[in-house]
Amino acid sequence: IYRDWRNTLEYAVEEAEEKGLKKGIEKGLEKGKTEEQRLIAANFKKQGVDIETIARCTGLPVKEIDEL
């Protein structure tokens, strides 16, 4: 019985670690994507592109683009 309990516990820990790692990677990728969009928006803004156009193309809010 102890071995079954231990195996179950080890499996649960491994699954939790995998889920945590996957979630961390997803968050990191999303953060990187957002930063890239902000960089693109800032470059468009420097080139004089209309803020509404930048917002449509990048998906960023107008307010956020204004603050760049």
PDB file of N, CA and C in Angstrom:
ATOM      1  N   ILE A   1       0.838  -1.193   0.000  1.00  0.00           N
ATOM      2  CA  ILE A   1       0.000   0.000   0.000  1.00  0.00           C
ATOM      3  C   ILE A   1       0.876   1.247   0.000  1.00  0.00           C
ATOM      4  N   TYR A   2       1.965   1.213   0.776  1.00  0.00           N
ATOM      5  CA  TYR A   2       2.846   2.378   0.858  1.00  0.00           C
ATOM      6  C   TYR A   2       3.425   2.717  -0.508  1.00  0.00           C
ATOM      7  N   ARG A   3       3.839   1.677  -1.261  1.00  0.00           N
ATOM      8  CA  ARG A   3       4.415   1.916  -2.586  1.00  0.00           C
ATOM      9  C   ARG A   3       3.405   2.555  -3.536  1.00  0.00           C
ATOM     10  N   ASP A   4       2.171   2.079  -3.494  1.00  0.00           N
ATOM     11  CA  ASP A   4       1.123   2.665  -4.335  1.00  0.00           C
ATOM     12  C   ASP A   4       0.907   4.129  -3.980  1.00  0.00           C
ATOM     13  N   TRP A   5       0.852   4.413  -2.692  1.00  0.00           N
ATOM     14  CA  TRP A   5       0.655   5.794  -2.232  1.00  0.00           C
ATOM     15  C   TRP A   5       1.820   6.669  -2.680  1.00  0.00           C
ATOM     16  N   ARG A   6       3.036   6.137  -2.516  1.00  0.00           N
ATOM     17  CA  ARG A   6       4.226   6.899  -2.902  1.00  0.00           C
ATOM     18  C   ARG A   6       4.255   7.158  -4.411  1.00  0.00           C
ATOM     19  N   ASN A   7       3.945   6.145  -5.203  1.00  0.00           N
ATOM     20  CA  ASN A   7       3.906   6.307  -6.658  1.00  0.00           C
ATOM     21  C   ASN A   7       2.855   7.334  -7.071  1.00  0.00           C
ATOM     22  N   THR A   8       1.710   7.287  -6.421  1.00  0.00           N
ATOM     23  CA  THR A   8       0.651   8.252  -6.714  1.00  0.00           C
ATOM     24  C   THR A   8       1.109   9.658  -6.376  1.00  0.00           C
ATOM     25  N   LEU A   9       1.751   9.814  -5.245  1.00  0.00           N
ATOM     26  CA  LEU A   9       2.240  11.123  -4.815  1.00  0.00           C
ATOM     27  C   LEU A   9       3.324  11.631  -5.769  1.00  0.00           C
ATOM     28  N   GLU A  10       4.258  10.784  -6.143  1.00  0.00           N
ATOM     29  CA  GLU A  10       5.314  11.183  -7.077  1.00  0.00           C
ATOM     30  C   GLU A  10       4.731  11.599  -8.426  1.00  0.00           C
ATOM     31  N   TYR A  11       3.743  10.852  -8.892  1.00  0.00           N
ATOM     32  CA  TYR A  11       3.094  11.183 -10.161  1.00  0.00           C
ATOM     33  C   TYR A  11       2.414  12.551 -10.063  1.00  0.00           C
ATOM     34  N   ALA A  12       1.721  12.793  -8.964  1.00  0.00           N
ATOM     35  CA  ALA A  12       1.029  14.071  -8.780  1.00  0.00           C
ATOM     36  C   ALA A  12       2.021  15.227  -8.750  1.00  0.00           C
ATOM     37  N   VAL A  13       3.149  15.032  -8.093  1.00  0.00           N
ATOM     38  CA  VAL A  13       4.176  16.076  -8.028  1.00  0.00           C
ATOM     39  C   VAL A  13       4.740  16.344  -9.425  1.00  0.00           C
ATOM     40  N   GLU A  14       5.032  15.302 -10.173  1.00  0.00           N
ATOM     41  CA  GLU A  14       5.557  15.467 -11.535  1.00  0.00           C
ATOM     42  C   GLU A  14       4.564  16.205 -12.428  1.00  0.00           C
ATOM     43  N   GLU A  15       3.296  15.843 -12.325  1.00  0.00           N
ATOM     44  CA  GLU A  15       2.263  16.511 -13.123  1.00  0.00           C
ATOM     45  C   GLU A  15       2.165  17.987 -12.752  1.00  0.00           C
ATOM     46  N   ALA A  16       2.225  18.287 -11.467  1.00  0.00           N
ATOM     47  CA  ALA A  16       2.146  19.676 -11.013  1.00  0.00           C
ATOM     48  C   ALA A  16       3.345  20.475 -11.510  1.00  0.00           C
ATOM     49  N   GLU A  17       4.526  19.872 -11.457  1.00  0.00           N
ATOM     50  CA  GLU A  17       5.728  20.553 -11.950  1.00  0.00           C
ATOM     51  C   GLU A  17       5.623  20.837 -13.446  1.00  0.00           C
ATOM     52  N   GLU A  18       5.145  19.860 -14.205  1.00  0.00           N
ATOM     53  CA  GLU A  18       4.994  20.043 -15.650  1.00  0.00           C
ATOM     54  C   GLU A  18       3.999  21.152 -15.962  1.00  0.00           C
ATOM     55  N   LYS A  19       2.872  21.164 -15.250  1.00  0.00           N
ATOM     56  CA  LYS A  19       1.867  22.204 -15.472  1.00  0.00           C
ATOM     57  C   LYS A  19       2.428  23.575 -15.117  1.00  0.00           C
ATOM     58  N   GLY A  20       3.160  23.650 -14.012  1.00  0.00           N
ATOM     59  CA  GLY A  20       3.751  24.919 -13.602  1.00  0.00           C
ATOM     60  C   GLY A  20       4.765  25.421 -14.610  1.00  0.00           C
ATOM     61  N   LEU A  21       5.591  24.534 -15.095  1.00  0.00           N
ATOM     62  CA  LEU A  21       6.593  24.899 -16.099  1.00  0.00           C
ATOM     63  C   LEU A  21       5.925  25.371 -17.385  1.00  0.00           C
ATOM     64  N   LYS A  22       4.917  24.641 -17.829  1.00  0.00           N
ATOM     65  CA  LYS A  22       4.197  25.008 -19.048  1.00  0.00           C
ATOM     66  C   LYS A  22       3.548  26.379 -18.890  1.00  0.00           C
ATOM     67  N   LYS A  23       2.938  26.608 -17.746  1.00  0.00           N
ATOM     68  CA  LYS A  23       2.285  27.892 -17.491  1.00  0.00           C
ATOM     69  C   LYS A  23       3.310  29.023 -17.476  1.00  0.00           C
ATOM     70  N   GLY A  24       4.459  28.790 -16.883  1.00  0.00           N
ATOM     71  CA  GLY A  24       5.519  29.797 -16.845  1.00  0.00           C
ATOM     72  C   GLY A  24       6.036  30.133 -18.235  1.00  0.00           C
ATOM     73  N   ILE A  25       6.208  29.125 -19.046  1.00  0.00           N
ATOM     74  CA  ILE A  25       6.669  29.342 -20.421  1.00  0.00           C
ATOM     75  C   ILE A  25       5.634  30.144 -21.202  1.00  0.00           C
ATOM     76  N   GLU A  26       4.362  29.789 -21.049  1.00  0.00           N
ATOM     77  CA  GLU A  26       3.299  30.517 -21.748  1.00  0.00           C
ATOM     78  C   GLU A  26       3.268  31.984 -21.330  1.00  0.00           C
ATOM     79  N   LYS A  27       3.404  32.242 -20.033  1.00  0.00           N
ATOM     80  CA  LYS A  27       3.410  33.626 -19.552  1.00  0.00           C
ATOM     81  C   LYS A  27       4.606  34.391 -20.108  1.00  0.00           C
ATOM     82  N   GLY A  28       5.756  33.746 -20.146  1.00  0.00           N
ATOM     83  CA  GLY A  28       6.958  34.383 -20.677  1.00  0.00           C
ATOM     84  C   GLY A  28       6.819  34.717 -22.155  1.00  0.00           C
ATOM     85  N   LEU A  29       6.250  33.799 -22.909  1.00  0.00           N
ATOM     86  CA  LEU A  29       6.043  34.045 -24.338  1.00  0.00           C
ATOM     87  C   LEU A  29       5.058  35.189 -24.559  1.00  0.00           C
ATOM     88  N   GLU A  30       3.998  35.214 -23.774  1.00  0.00           N
ATOM     89  CA  GLU A  30       3.002  36.282 -23.897  1.00  0.00           C
ATOM     90  C   GLU A  30       3.612  37.632 -23.544  1.00  0.00           C
ATOM     91  N   LYS A  31       4.430  37.656 -22.500  1.00  0.00           N
ATOM     92  CA  LYS A  31       5.087  38.906 -22.111  1.00  0.00           C
ATOM     93  C   LYS A  31       6.023  39.382 -23.224  1.00  0.00           C
ATOM     94  N   GLY A  32       6.759  38.463 -23.810  1.00  0.00           N
ATOM     95  CA  GLY A  32       7.656  38.811 -24.910  1.00  0.00           C
ATOM     96  C   GLY A  32       6.895  39.340 -26.114  1.00  0.00           C
ATOM     97  N   LYS A  33       5.757  38.735 -26.401  1.00  0.00           N
ATOM     98  CA  LYS A  33       4.928  39.183 -27.523  1.00  0.00           C
ATOM     99  C   LYS A  33       4.420  40.602 -27.272  1.00  0.00           C
ATOM    100  N   THR A  34       3.978  40.865 -26.059  1.00  0.00           N
ATOM    101  CA  THR A  34       3.483  42.200 -25.710  1.00  0.00           C
ATOM    102  C   THR A  34       4.591  43.234 -25.827  1.00  0.00           C
ATOM    103  N   GLU A  35       5.777  42.895 -25.350  1.00  0.00           N
ATOM    104  CA  GLU A  35       6.902  43.830 -25.443  1.00  0.00           C
ATOM    105  C   GLU A  35       7.262  44.111 -26.900  1.00  0.00           C
ATOM    106  N   GLU A  36       7.187  43.090 -27.735  1.00  0.00           N
ATOM    107  CA  GLU A  36       7.465  43.263 -29.165  1.00  0.00           C
ATOM    108  C   GLU A  36       6.432  44.196 -29.797  1.00  0.00           C
ATOM    109  N   GLN A  37       5.164  44.011 -29.440  1.00  0.00           N
ATOM    110  CA  GLN A  37       4.109  44.883 -29.964  1.00  0.00           C
ATOM    111  C   GLN A  37       4.333  46.330 -29.525  1.00  0.00           C
ATOM    112  N   ARG A  38       4.765  46.515 -28.292  1.00  0.00           N
ATOM    113  CA  ARG A  38       5.043  47.867 -27.797  1.00  0.00           C
ATOM    114  C   ARG A  38       6.210  48.498 -28.568  1.00  0.00           C
ATOM    115  N   LEU A  39       7.223  47.721 -28.847  1.00  0.00           N
ATOM    116  CA  LEU A  39       8.375  48.218 -29.601  1.00  0.00           C
ATOM    117  C   LEU A  39       7.970  48.615 -31.022  1.00  0.00           C
ATOM    118  N   ILE A  40       7.182  47.777 -31.653  1.00  0.00           N
ATOM    119  CA  ILE A  40       6.688  48.081 -33.000  1.00  0.00           C
ATOM    120  C   ILE A  40       5.854  49.357 -32.972  1.00  0.00           C
ATOM    121  N   ALA A  41       4.963  49.464 -31.988  1.00  0.00           N
ATOM    122  CA  ALA A  41       4.112  50.655 -31.875  1.00  0.00           C
ATOM    123  C   ALA A  41       4.953  51.908 -31.668  1.00  0.00           C
ATOM    124  N   ALA A  42       5.969  51.813 -30.832  1.00  0.00           N
ATOM    125  CA  ALA A  42       6.838  52.969 -30.585  1.00  0.00           C
ATOM    126  C   ALA A  42       7.553  53.386 -31.864  1.00  0.00           C
ATOM    127  N   ASN A  43       8.003  52.425 -32.637  1.00  0.00           N
ATOM    128  CA  ASN A  43       8.676  52.735 -33.906  1.00  0.00           C
ATOM    129  C   ASN A  43       7.722  53.384 -34.907  1.00  0.00           C
ATOM    130  N   PHE A  44       6.501  52.866 -35.002  1.00  0.00           N
ATOM    131  CA  PHE A  44       5.500  53.485 -35.876  1.00  0.00           C
ATOM    132  C   PHE A  44       5.210  54.913 -35.434  1.00  0.00           C
ATOM    133  N   LYS A  45       5.098  55.104 -34.127  1.00  0.00           N
ATOM    134  CA  LYS A  45       4.802  56.436 -33.592  1.00  0.00           C
ATOM    135  C   LYS A  45       5.922  57.416 -33.948  1.00  0.00           C
ATOM    136  N   LYS A  46       7.160  56.963 -33.838  1.00  0.00           N
ATOM    137  CA  LYS A  46       8.306  57.809 -34.199  1.00  0.00           C
ATOM    138  C   LYS A  46       8.278  58.190 -35.681  1.00  0.00           C
ATOM    139  N   GLN A  47       7.725  57.298 -36.500  1.00  0.00           N
ATOM    140  CA  GLN A  47       7.643  57.548 -37.944  1.00  0.00           C
ATOM    141  C   GLN A  47       6.440  58.418 -38.312  1.00  0.00           C
ATOM    142  N   GLY A  48       5.631  58.775 -37.308  1.00  0.00           N
ATOM    143  CA  GLY A  48       4.492  59.650 -37.548  1.00  0.00           C
ATOM    144  C   GLY A  48       3.218  58.952 -37.985  1.00  0.00           C
ATOM    145  N   VAL A  49       3.146  57.643 -37.787  1.00  0.00           N
ATOM    146  CA  VAL A  49       1.933  56.908 -38.151  1.00  0.00           C
ATOM    147  C   VAL A  49       0.829  57.269 -37.156  1.00  0.00           C
ATOM    148  N   ASP A  50      -0.389  57.424 -37.662  1.00  0.00           N
ATOM    149  CA  ASP A  50      -1.548  57.760 -36.845  1.00  0.00           C
ATOM    150  C   ASP A  50      -1.741  56.734 -35.718  1.00  0.00           C
ATOM    151  N   ILE A  51      -2.024  57.223 -34.516  1.00  0.00           N
ATOM    152  CA  ILE A  51      -2.151  56.350 -33.343  1.00  0.00           C
ATOM    153  C   ILE A  51      -3.287  55.344 -33.506  1.00  0.00           C
ATOM    154  N   GLU A  52      -4.387  55.747 -34.105  1.00  0.00           N
ATOM    155  CA  GLU A  52      -5.507  54.816 -34.334  1.00  0.00           C
ATOM    156  C   GLU A  52      -5.073  53.664 -35.248  1.00  0.00           C
ATOM    157  N   THR A  53      -4.286  53.985 -36.242  1.00  0.00           N
ATOM    158  CA  THR A  53      -3.776  52.957 -37.160  1.00  0.00           C
ATOM    159  C   THR A  53      -2.837  52.012 -36.420  1.00  0.00           C
ATOM    160  N   ILE A  54      -1.982  52.576 -35.590  1.00  0.00           N
ATOM    161  CA  ILE A  54      -1.058  51.749 -34.800  1.00  0.00           C
ATOM    162  C   ILE A  54      -1.851  50.807 -33.904  1.00  0.00           C
ATOM    163  N   ALA A  55      -2.888  51.331 -33.263  1.00  0.00           N
ATOM    164  CA  ALA A  55      -3.714  50.515 -32.367  1.00  0.00           C
ATOM    165  C   ALA A  55      -4.369  49.363 -33.129  1.00  0.00           C
ATOM    166  N   ARG A  56      -4.894  49.643 -34.306  1.00  0.00           N
ATOM    167  CA  ARG A  56      -5.530  48.586 -35.108  1.00  0.00           C
ATOM    168  C   ARG A  56      -4.521  47.522 -35.529  1.00  0.00           C
ATOM    169  N   CYS A  57      -3.329  47.949 -35.884  1.00  0.00           N
ATOM    170  CA  CYS A  57      -2.315  47.010 -36.387  1.00  0.00           C
ATOM    171  C   CYS A  57      -1.649  46.189 -35.286  1.00  0.00           C
ATOM    172  N   THR A  58      -1.485  46.784 -34.115  1.00  0.00           N
ATOM    173  CA  THR A  58      -0.776  46.088 -33.039  1.00  0.00           C
ATOM    174  C   THR A  58      -1.701  45.438 -32.019  1.00  0.00           C
ATOM    175  N   GLY A  59      -2.941  45.918 -31.951  1.00  0.00           N
ATOM    176  CA  GLY A  59      -3.856  45.398 -30.943  1.00  0.00           C
ATOM    177  C   GLY A  59      -3.677  46.055 -29.587  1.00  0.00           C
ATOM    178  N   LEU A  60      -2.786  47.037 -29.509  1.00  0.00           N
ATOM    179  CA  LEU A  60      -2.566  47.751 -28.249  1.00  0.00           C
ATOM    180  C   LEU A  60      -3.609  48.852 -28.090  1.00  0.00           C
ATOM    181  N   PRO A  61      -3.972  49.165 -26.847  1.00  0.00           N
ATOM    182  CA  PRO A  61      -4.910  50.263 -26.618  1.00  0.00           C
ATOM    183  C   PRO A  61      -4.285  51.614 -26.983  1.00  0.00           C
ATOM    184  N   VAL A  62      -5.119  52.544 -27.444  1.00  0.00           N
ATOM    185  CA  VAL A  62      -4.655  53.880 -27.822  1.00  0.00           C
ATOM    186  C   VAL A  62      -3.945  54.544 -26.650  1.00  0.00           C
ATOM    187  N   LYS A  63      -4.501  54.397 -25.461  1.00  0.00           N
ATOM    188  CA  LYS A  63      -3.906  55.012 -24.264  1.00  0.00           C
ATOM    189  C   LYS A  63      -2.470  54.528 -24.058  1.00  0.00           C
ATOM    190  N   GLU A  64      -2.256  53.246 -24.236  1.00  0.00           N
ATOM    191  CA  GLU A  64      -0.913  52.684 -24.060  1.00  0.00           C
ATOM    192  C   GLU A  64       0.049  53.229 -25.115  1.00  0.00           C
ATOM    193  N   ILE A  65      -0.434  53.377 -26.333  1.00  0.00           N
ATOM    194  CA  ILE A  65       0.404  53.913 -27.407  1.00  0.00           C
ATOM    195  C   ILE A  65       0.737  55.371 -27.127  1.00  0.00           C
ATOM    196  N   ASP A  66      -0.230  56.124 -26.619  1.00  0.00           N
ATOM    197  CA  ASP A  66       0.015  57.524 -26.256  1.00  0.00           C
ATOM    198  C   ASP A  66       1.149  57.649 -25.249  1.00  0.00           C
ATOM    199  N   GLU A  67       1.259  56.674 -24.348  1.00  0.00           N
ATOM    200  CA  GLU A  67       2.254  56.725 -23.279  1.00  0.00           C
ATOM    201  C   GLU A  67       3.650  56.298 -23.735  1.00  0.00           C
ATOM    202  N   LEU A  68       3.761  55.798 -24.938  1.00  0.00           N
ATOM    203  CA  LEU A  68       5.074  55.348 -25.434  1.00  0.00           C
ATOM    204  C   LEU A  68       5.947  56.524 -25.814  1.00  0.00           C
TER     205      LEU A  68
END
